[in-house]
Amino acid sequence: MKHWTEGFDDDDADEPLVRPYTITGGRTAPERDDLTLITLVTSISGVSSQTGRGPRRMQPEHRTIFALCERPLAVAEVASALNLPVSVTKILIGDLIENGQMRARAPLAFAQAGGRPDVTILEAVRDGLRKL
């Protein structure tokens, strides 16, 4: 009898066989619209990755995100560290926020400028990119 994995390319041997919708419990879009690529997320100290207020079962990815975010990280950095699509990462981060295990905030440049980036920061980034 042929095993269901026979016929897969050997080049894909390093790729996980778990699909993103499996990790998110079938959800394909984040419930929160305030999580952007540069939103900073932080684990709440004193809260265990094993506990929380929400009903959802913790996936290993949830625990990894919780551990990664002991210091503030951008959503994009978390997605990169997990090697997962940003949309999946946003769903998982949303679960942790809902469970009371994480908090999210806009970067300081946005918070200080009333939701808009400081023009001097944007000009510095632009000038730096031009030098590349």
N, C-alpha and C. Protein backbone atom coordinates (compact mmCIF):
# COMPACT_ATOMS: atom_id res chain seq x y z
N MET A 1 0.84 -1.17 0.00
CA MET A 1 0.00 0.00 0.00
C MET A 1 0.89 1.24 0.00
N LYS A 2 0.53 2.22 -0.80
CA LYS A 2 1.31 3.43 -0.94
C LYS A 2 0.99 4.40 0.20
N HIS A 3 2.07 4.95 0.83
CA HIS A 3 1.90 5.92 1.90
C HIS A 3 1.50 7.26 1.30
N TRP A 4 0.69 8.04 2.02
CA TRP A 4 0.16 9.28 1.47
C TRP A 4 1.23 10.32 1.18
N THR A 5 2.43 10.19 1.79
CA THR A 5 3.49 11.19 1.56
C THR A 5 4.37 10.83 0.37
N GLU A 6 4.21 9.62 -0.17
CA GLU A 6 5.01 9.25 -1.34
C GLU A 6 4.64 10.11 -2.53
N GLY A 7 5.65 10.49 -3.25
CA GLY A 7 5.43 11.32 -4.42
C GLY A 7 5.71 12.80 -4.17
N PHE A 8 5.94 13.18 -2.90
CA PHE A 8 6.33 14.57 -2.62
C PHE A 8 7.77 14.75 -3.06
N ASP A 9 8.09 15.92 -3.56
CA ASP A 9 9.46 16.21 -3.96
C ASP A 9 10.36 16.19 -2.74
N ASP A 10 11.58 15.71 -2.93
CA ASP A 10 12.54 15.71 -1.82
C ASP A 10 12.98 17.12 -1.47
N ASP A 11 12.83 18.07 -2.42
CA ASP A 11 13.19 19.45 -2.14
C ASP A 11 12.31 20.03 -1.05
N ASP A 12 11.12 19.51 -0.87
CA ASP A 12 10.19 20.02 0.13
C ASP A 12 10.32 19.32 1.48
N ALA A 13 11.37 18.52 1.64
CA ALA A 13 11.53 17.75 2.87
C ALA A 13 11.66 18.65 4.10
N ASP A 14 12.23 19.86 3.92
CA ASP A 14 12.40 20.76 5.05
C ASP A 14 11.15 21.57 5.35
N GLU A 15 10.18 21.54 4.46
CA GLU A 15 8.96 22.31 4.64
C GLU A 15 8.00 21.55 5.55
N PRO A 16 7.32 22.27 6.44
CA PRO A 16 6.35 21.59 7.31
C PRO A 16 5.13 21.14 6.51
N LEU A 17 4.56 20.03 6.94
CA LEU A 17 3.36 19.52 6.28
C LEU A 17 2.08 20.07 6.91
N VAL A 18 2.22 20.79 8.01
CA VAL A 18 1.05 21.36 8.67
C VAL A 18 0.67 22.63 7.93
N ARG A 19 -0.57 22.72 7.53
CA ARG A 19 -1.06 23.88 6.80
C ARG A 19 -1.46 24.98 7.77
N PRO A 20 -1.31 26.24 7.35
CA PRO A 20 -1.65 27.35 8.25
C PRO A 20 -3.06 27.30 8.81
N TYR A 21 -4.04 26.86 8.03
CA TYR A 21 -5.41 26.83 8.56
C TYR A 21 -5.56 25.79 9.66
N THR A 22 -4.66 24.83 9.73
CA THR A 22 -4.68 23.86 10.82
C THR A 22 -4.20 24.53 12.10
N ILE A 23 -3.17 25.34 11.97
CA ILE A 23 -2.61 26.04 13.13
C ILE A 23 -3.63 27.00 13.71
N THR A 24 -4.40 27.65 12.85
CA THR A 24 -5.35 28.68 13.30
C THR A 24 -6.74 28.13 13.57
N GLY A 25 -6.92 26.84 13.48
CA GLY A 25 -8.23 26.25 13.73
C GLY A 25 -9.23 26.57 12.63
N GLY A 26 -8.75 26.72 11.41
CA GLY A 26 -9.62 26.98 10.28
C GLY A 26 -9.88 28.45 10.00
N ARG A 27 -9.39 29.31 10.86
CA ARG A 27 -9.59 30.75 10.63
C ARG A 27 -8.61 31.25 9.57
N THR A 28 -9.09 32.06 8.67
CA THR A 28 -8.24 32.53 7.57
C THR A 28 -7.95 34.02 7.63
N ALA A 29 -8.61 34.74 8.50
CA ALA A 29 -8.38 36.17 8.62
C ALA A 29 -8.35 36.55 10.10
N PRO A 30 -7.48 37.49 10.46
CA PRO A 30 -7.44 37.92 11.86
C PRO A 30 -8.71 38.64 12.26
N GLU A 31 -9.13 38.45 13.51
CA GLU A 31 -10.33 39.12 14.03
C GLU A 31 -10.04 40.57 14.38
N ARG A 32 -8.77 40.88 14.62
CA ARG A 32 -8.37 42.24 14.99
C ARG A 32 -7.87 42.97 13.76
N ASP A 33 -8.27 44.22 13.63
CA ASP A 33 -7.77 45.01 12.52
C ASP A 33 -6.72 46.03 12.94
N ASP A 34 -6.35 46.02 14.23
CA ASP A 34 -5.36 46.96 14.73
C ASP A 34 -3.94 46.40 14.69
N LEU A 35 -3.76 45.16 14.27
CA LEU A 35 -2.44 44.57 14.17
C LEU A 35 -1.87 44.82 12.78
N THR A 36 -0.86 45.68 12.70
CA THR A 36 -0.18 45.95 11.44
C THR A 36 1.20 45.30 11.50
N LEU A 37 1.96 45.42 10.43
CA LEU A 37 3.29 44.83 10.41
C LEU A 37 4.21 45.44 11.46
N ILE A 38 3.99 46.70 11.80
CA ILE A 38 4.88 47.38 12.75
C ILE A 38 4.30 47.51 14.15
N THR A 39 3.14 46.93 14.39
CA THR A 39 2.57 46.93 15.74
C THR A 39 3.50 46.14 16.66
N LEU A 40 3.80 46.71 17.80
CA LEU A 40 4.67 46.05 18.77
C LEU A 40 3.82 45.21 19.72
N VAL A 41 4.25 43.97 19.91
CA VAL A 41 3.54 43.07 20.81
C VAL A 41 4.50 42.61 21.90
N THR A 42 3.95 42.48 23.11
CA THR A 42 4.75 42.10 24.26
C THR A 42 3.97 41.14 25.14
N SER A 43 4.66 40.11 25.62
CA SER A 43 4.05 39.20 26.59
C SER A 43 3.85 39.94 27.90
N ILE A 44 2.76 39.65 28.57
CA ILE A 44 2.50 40.28 29.87
C ILE A 44 3.23 39.48 30.94
N SER A 45 4.11 40.17 31.66
CA SER A 45 4.89 39.48 32.68
C SER A 45 3.98 39.02 33.81
N GLY A 46 4.34 37.91 34.38
CA GLY A 46 3.55 37.35 35.47
C GLY A 46 2.43 36.44 35.00
N VAL A 47 2.24 36.36 33.67
CA VAL A 47 1.21 35.49 33.10
C VAL A 47 1.93 34.30 32.47
N SER A 48 1.43 33.13 32.68
CA SER A 48 2.03 31.94 32.11
C SER A 48 1.52 31.70 30.71
N SER A 49 2.37 31.12 29.86
CA SER A 49 1.92 30.77 28.51
C SER A 49 0.93 29.61 28.56
N GLN A 50 0.83 28.95 29.70
CA GLN A 50 -0.07 27.80 29.83
C GLN A 50 -1.46 28.21 30.32
N THR A 51 -1.56 29.43 30.83
CA THR A 51 -2.85 29.88 31.36
C THR A 51 -3.39 31.02 30.51
N GLY A 52 -4.59 31.36 30.76
CA GLY A 52 -5.21 32.46 30.03
C GLY A 52 -6.70 32.44 30.28
N ARG A 53 -7.36 33.46 29.77
CA ARG A 53 -8.80 33.55 30.00
C ARG A 53 -9.61 32.98 28.86
N GLY A 54 -8.99 32.72 27.73
CA GLY A 54 -9.74 32.32 26.55
C GLY A 54 -10.00 30.83 26.48
N PRO A 55 -10.98 30.44 25.65
CA PRO A 55 -11.36 29.04 25.54
C PRO A 55 -10.48 28.25 24.55
N ARG A 56 -9.75 28.95 23.71
CA ARG A 56 -9.00 28.25 22.67
C ARG A 56 -7.81 27.49 23.25
N ARG A 57 -7.54 26.35 22.67
CA ARG A 57 -6.41 25.52 23.07
C ARG A 57 -5.13 26.15 22.54
N MET A 58 -4.11 26.18 23.37
CA MET A 58 -2.83 26.77 22.97
C MET A 58 -2.08 25.83 22.04
N GLN A 59 -1.67 26.37 20.93
CA GLN A 59 -0.83 25.64 19.98
C GLN A 59 0.63 25.88 20.36
N PRO A 60 1.55 25.03 19.88
CA PRO A 60 2.98 25.29 20.14
C PRO A 60 3.41 26.66 19.62
N GLU A 61 2.80 27.11 18.54
CA GLU A 61 3.13 28.42 17.99
C GLU A 61 2.74 29.54 18.95
N HIS A 62 1.63 29.37 19.67
CA HIS A 62 1.24 30.36 20.68
C HIS A 62 2.33 30.46 21.75
N ARG A 63 2.79 29.32 22.22
CA ARG A 63 3.81 29.32 23.27
C ARG A 63 5.12 29.93 22.76
N THR A 64 5.45 29.68 21.51
CA THR A 64 6.66 30.25 20.93
C THR A 64 6.55 31.76 20.84
N ILE A 65 5.40 32.26 20.39
CA ILE A 65 5.18 33.71 20.31
C ILE A 65 5.29 34.32 21.70
N PHE A 66 4.66 33.69 22.68
CA PHE A 66 4.70 34.20 24.05
C PHE A 66 6.14 34.32 24.54
N ALA A 67 6.95 33.31 24.27
CA ALA A 67 8.36 33.32 24.70
C ALA A 67 9.17 34.36 23.92
N LEU A 68 8.92 34.48 22.63
CA LEU A 68 9.65 35.45 21.80
C LEU A 68 9.40 36.88 22.26
N CYS A 69 8.20 37.15 22.70
CA CYS A 69 7.78 38.51 22.97
C CYS A 69 7.99 38.94 24.41
N GLU A 70 8.97 38.36 25.08
CA GLU A 70 9.31 38.86 26.42
C GLU A 70 9.79 40.30 26.32
N ARG A 71 10.37 40.64 25.19
CA ARG A 71 10.70 42.03 24.87
C ARG A 71 9.85 42.41 23.67
N PRO A 72 9.52 43.68 23.51
CA PRO A 72 8.64 44.08 22.41
C PRO A 72 9.20 43.72 21.03
N LEU A 73 8.37 43.13 20.21
CA LEU A 73 8.71 42.80 18.83
C LEU A 73 7.59 43.25 17.92
N ALA A 74 7.96 43.60 16.69
CA ALA A 74 6.95 43.95 15.69
C ALA A 74 6.31 42.67 15.18
N VAL A 75 5.08 42.77 14.74
CA VAL A 75 4.36 41.61 14.20
C VAL A 75 5.17 40.97 13.07
N ALA A 76 5.78 41.77 12.22
CA ALA A 76 6.58 41.25 11.11
C ALA A 76 7.77 40.43 11.62
N GLU A 77 8.39 40.88 12.70
CA GLU A 77 9.52 40.14 13.28
C GLU A 77 9.07 38.80 13.83
N VAL A 78 7.93 38.78 14.46
CA VAL A 78 7.39 37.53 15.01
C VAL A 78 7.10 36.55 13.87
N ALA A 79 6.46 37.03 12.81
CA ALA A 79 6.15 36.18 11.66
C ALA A 79 7.42 35.61 11.06
N SER A 80 8.44 36.44 10.96
CA SER A 80 9.71 35.98 10.40
C SER A 80 10.37 34.92 11.28
N ALA A 81 10.34 35.15 12.59
CA ALA A 81 10.94 34.18 13.52
C ALA A 81 10.23 32.83 13.47
N LEU A 82 8.91 32.87 13.26
CA LEU A 82 8.12 31.63 13.21
C LEU A 82 8.14 30.99 11.82
N ASN A 83 8.56 31.77 10.83
CA ASN A 83 8.52 31.31 9.44
C ASN A 83 7.08 30.97 9.02
N LEU A 84 6.17 31.86 9.42
CA LEU A 84 4.75 31.72 9.10
C LEU A 84 4.28 32.97 8.36
N PRO A 85 3.22 32.85 7.57
CA PRO A 85 2.65 34.04 6.94
C PRO A 85 2.19 35.04 8.00
N VAL A 86 2.26 36.32 7.65
CA VAL A 86 1.86 37.38 8.58
C VAL A 86 0.40 37.22 8.99
N SER A 87 -0.46 36.84 8.06
CA SER A 87 -1.88 36.70 8.40
C SER A 87 -2.09 35.63 9.48
N VAL A 88 -1.37 34.54 9.39
CA VAL A 88 -1.47 33.48 10.41
C VAL A 88 -0.92 33.98 11.73
N THR A 89 0.19 34.69 11.67
CA THR A 89 0.80 35.23 12.88
C THR A 89 -0.13 36.21 13.57
N LYS A 90 -0.82 37.05 12.79
CA LYS A 90 -1.77 38.00 13.38
C LYS A 90 -2.91 37.27 14.09
N ILE A 91 -3.37 36.18 13.53
CA ILE A 91 -4.44 35.41 14.16
C ILE A 91 -3.97 34.86 15.50
N LEU A 92 -2.76 34.30 15.52
CA LEU A 92 -2.22 33.72 16.74
C LEU A 92 -1.96 34.79 17.80
N ILE A 93 -1.42 35.93 17.38
CA ILE A 93 -1.20 37.03 18.32
C ILE A 93 -2.53 37.54 18.87
N GLY A 94 -3.52 37.62 18.00
CA GLY A 94 -4.87 38.03 18.44
C GLY A 94 -5.42 37.11 19.51
N ASP A 95 -5.17 35.81 19.36
CA ASP A 95 -5.61 34.85 20.38
C ASP A 95 -4.96 35.16 21.72
N LEU A 96 -3.66 35.44 21.70
CA LEU A 96 -2.94 35.71 22.94
C LEU A 96 -3.40 37.01 23.59
N ILE A 97 -3.70 38.01 22.77
CA ILE A 97 -4.21 39.27 23.31
C ILE A 97 -5.59 39.05 23.93
N GLU A 98 -6.43 38.30 23.23
CA GLU A 98 -7.77 37.99 23.73
C GLU A 98 -7.71 37.22 25.05
N ASN A 99 -6.71 36.35 25.19
CA ASN A 99 -6.55 35.55 26.40
C ASN A 99 -5.92 36.32 27.55
N GLY A 100 -5.52 37.56 27.30
CA GLY A 100 -4.90 38.37 28.35
C GLY A 100 -3.45 38.04 28.58
N GLN A 101 -2.80 37.42 27.60
CA GLN A 101 -1.41 37.02 27.76
C GLN A 101 -0.43 37.96 27.05
N MET A 102 -0.95 38.81 26.19
CA MET A 102 -0.11 39.77 25.45
C MET A 102 -0.82 41.09 25.35
N ARG A 103 -0.03 42.11 25.04
CA ARG A 103 -0.61 43.41 24.72
C ARG A 103 0.07 43.92 23.45
N ALA A 104 -0.66 44.77 22.74
CA ALA A 104 -0.15 45.35 21.50
C ALA A 104 -0.24 46.86 21.59
N ARG A 105 0.72 47.52 20.94
CA ARG A 105 0.68 48.98 20.90
C ARG A 105 1.37 49.45 19.62
N ALA A 106 0.99 50.63 19.19
CA ALA A 106 1.62 51.22 18.03
C ALA A 106 3.06 51.62 18.40
N PRO A 107 3.97 51.63 17.43
CA PRO A 107 5.34 52.09 17.73
C PRO A 107 5.33 53.51 18.28
N LEU A 108 6.32 53.86 19.08
CA LEU A 108 6.36 55.16 19.73
C LEU A 108 6.30 56.32 18.74
N ALA A 109 6.94 56.19 17.58
CA ALA A 109 6.91 57.28 16.60
C ALA A 109 5.48 57.58 16.19
N PHE A 110 4.65 56.56 16.09
CA PHE A 110 3.25 56.76 15.72
C PHE A 110 2.45 57.27 16.90
N ALA A 111 2.70 56.73 18.06
CA ALA A 111 1.94 57.13 19.24
C ALA A 111 2.21 58.59 19.60
N GLN A 112 3.45 59.02 19.47
CA GLN A 112 3.80 60.39 19.82
C GLN A 112 3.27 61.40 18.80
N ALA A 113 3.12 60.98 17.57
CA ALA A 113 2.66 61.89 16.52
C ALA A 113 1.15 61.79 16.32
N GLY A 114 0.45 61.24 17.27
CA GLY A 114 -1.00 61.15 17.14
C GLY A 114 -1.44 60.17 16.07
N GLY A 115 -0.69 59.09 15.89
CA GLY A 115 -1.05 58.09 14.89
C GLY A 115 -0.36 58.28 13.56
N ARG A 116 0.42 59.35 13.43
CA ARG A 116 1.14 59.61 12.19
C ARG A 116 2.64 59.58 12.48
N PRO A 117 3.43 59.07 11.54
CA PRO A 117 4.88 59.02 11.77
C PRO A 117 5.49 60.41 11.74
N ASP A 118 6.56 60.56 12.47
CA ASP A 118 7.30 61.81 12.48
C ASP A 118 7.96 62.00 11.11
N VAL A 119 7.83 63.17 10.53
CA VAL A 119 8.37 63.44 9.19
C VAL A 119 9.88 63.29 9.17
N THR A 120 10.55 63.67 10.25
CA THR A 120 12.01 63.56 10.27
C THR A 120 12.45 62.10 10.22
N ILE A 121 11.69 61.23 10.85
CA ILE A 121 12.02 59.80 10.79
C ILE A 121 11.83 59.28 9.37
N LEU A 122 10.74 59.66 8.74
CA LEU A 122 10.50 59.22 7.36
C LEU A 122 11.58 59.75 6.41
N GLU A 123 12.00 61.00 6.61
CA GLU A 123 13.05 61.56 5.76
C GLU A 123 14.38 60.83 5.99
N ALA A 124 14.67 60.48 7.23
CA ALA A 124 15.90 59.75 7.52
C ALA A 124 15.88 58.36 6.88
N VAL A 125 14.73 57.70 6.93
CA VAL A 125 14.61 56.39 6.29
C VAL A 125 14.79 56.53 4.78
N ARG A 126 14.13 57.53 4.19
CA ARG A 126 14.23 57.77 2.76
C ARG A 126 15.69 58.02 2.36
N ASP A 127 16.38 58.87 3.10
CA ASP A 127 17.76 59.19 2.78
C ASP A 127 18.66 57.96 2.92
N GLY A 128 18.39 57.17 3.95
CA GLY A 128 19.17 55.94 4.13
C GLY A 128 18.97 54.96 3.00
N LEU A 129 17.74 54.84 2.52
CA LEU A 129 17.45 53.94 1.41
C LEU A 129 18.11 54.42 0.13
N ARG A 130 18.16 55.72 -0.08
CA ARG A 130 18.80 56.26 -1.27
C ARG A 130 20.29 55.98 -1.29
N LYS A 131 20.91 55.93 -0.10
CA LYS A 131 22.35 55.68 -0.01
C LYS A 131 22.70 54.23 -0.33
N LEU A 132 21.73 53.36 -0.26
CA LEU A 132 22.00 51.94 -0.52
C LEU A 132 22.32 51.72 -1.93
